[in-house]
Protein backbone atom coordinates (compact mmCIF):
# COMPACT_ATOMS: atom_id res chain seq x y z
CA MET A 1 6.33 6.98 0.75
CA ASN A 2 7.08 7.09 4.69
CA ALA A 3 4.93 6.60 8.25
CA GLN A 4 4.90 10.76 7.94
CA GLU A 5 3.64 11.30 4.94
CA LEU A 6 1.13 9.29 4.90
CA LYS A 7 -0.37 10.47 8.36
CA ALA A 8 -0.31 14.02 6.83
CA LYS A 9 -3.18 11.79 5.00
CA THR A 10 -6.78 11.97 5.11
CA PRO A 11 -7.97 8.72 5.65
CA ASP A 12 -10.19 8.55 2.32
CA GLU A 13 -6.31 9.84 0.49
CA LEU A 14 -4.62 6.74 1.65
CA ARG A 15 -7.84 4.11 1.33
CA THR A 16 -7.48 5.78 -2.29
CA GLU A 17 -3.65 5.00 -2.62
CA LEU A 18 -4.04 1.03 -0.85
CA VAL A 19 -6.94 1.04 -4.40
CA ALA A 20 -4.25 1.59 -6.63
CA LEU A 21 -1.15 -0.26 -4.93
CA LYS A 22 -2.74 -3.36 -4.74
CA LYS A 23 -4.10 -3.00 -8.08
CA GLU A 24 -0.61 -2.95 -9.30
CA ALA A 25 0.47 -5.44 -6.89
CA PHE A 26 -2.37 -7.74 -8.73
CA ASN A 27 -0.45 -6.57 -12.22
CA LEU A 28 2.83 -7.65 -10.58
CA ARG A 29 1.82 -11.25 -9.86
CA PHE A 30 0.68 -11.71 -13.41
CA GLN A 31 3.57 -10.46 -15.16
CA GLN A 32 5.72 -13.05 -12.81
CA ALA A 33 3.04 -15.49 -14.07
CA THR A 34 3.87 -15.72 -17.36
CA GLY A 35 7.41 -15.05 -16.95
CA GLN A 36 7.34 -10.99 -17.57
CA LEU A 37 8.52 -9.19 -14.37
CA GLU A 38 11.91 -7.87 -14.62
CA ASN A 39 11.74 -5.73 -11.40
CA THR A 40 10.45 -8.07 -8.42
CA ALA A 41 12.64 -6.13 -5.21
CA ARG A 42 8.89 -4.44 -6.14
CA MET A 43 6.42 -6.44 -4.58
CA ARG A 44 8.44 -6.27 -1.89
CA VAL A 45 8.41 -2.71 -1.73
CA LEU A 46 4.63 -3.24 -2.97
CA ARG A 47 3.94 -5.33 0.40
CA ARG A 48 5.59 -3.10 2.89
CA GLY A 49 3.73 -0.13 1.38
CA VAL A 50 0.25 -1.80 1.83
CA ALA A 51 0.67 -2.72 5.58
CA ARG A 52 2.19 0.43 6.08
CA ILE A 53 -0.83 2.08 4.74
CA LYS A 54 -2.64 -0.31 6.65
CA THR A 55 -1.24 0.48 10.21
CA VAL A 56 -1.59 4.19 9.41
CA LEU A 57 -5.31 3.77 8.99
CA ASN A 58 -5.90 1.48 12.01
CA GLN A 59 -4.08 4.14 13.95
CA LYS A 60 -6.43 6.95 12.95
CA ALA A 61 -9.70 4.90 13.67
CA ALA A 62 -8.54 3.74 17.10
CA GLU A 63 -7.75 7.75 17.75
CA ALA A 64 -10.77 7.91 16.48
CA ALA A 65 -12.38 5.93 18.78
CA ASN A 66 -10.65 7.73 21.72
């Protein structure tokens, strides 16, 4: 998901998406620990997605404060 799509969402939708990504990352960490992880690049994509969502949330919070 790109930043433009994220900016169009509400903060509640972004938080829901953030929780889903964190759950997926948790599951991928378990798969990696047990040697079952096939797509290692997915972890990088998830980390960047989490960071992107947090950035948009912070931007929206800064706009609301002004």
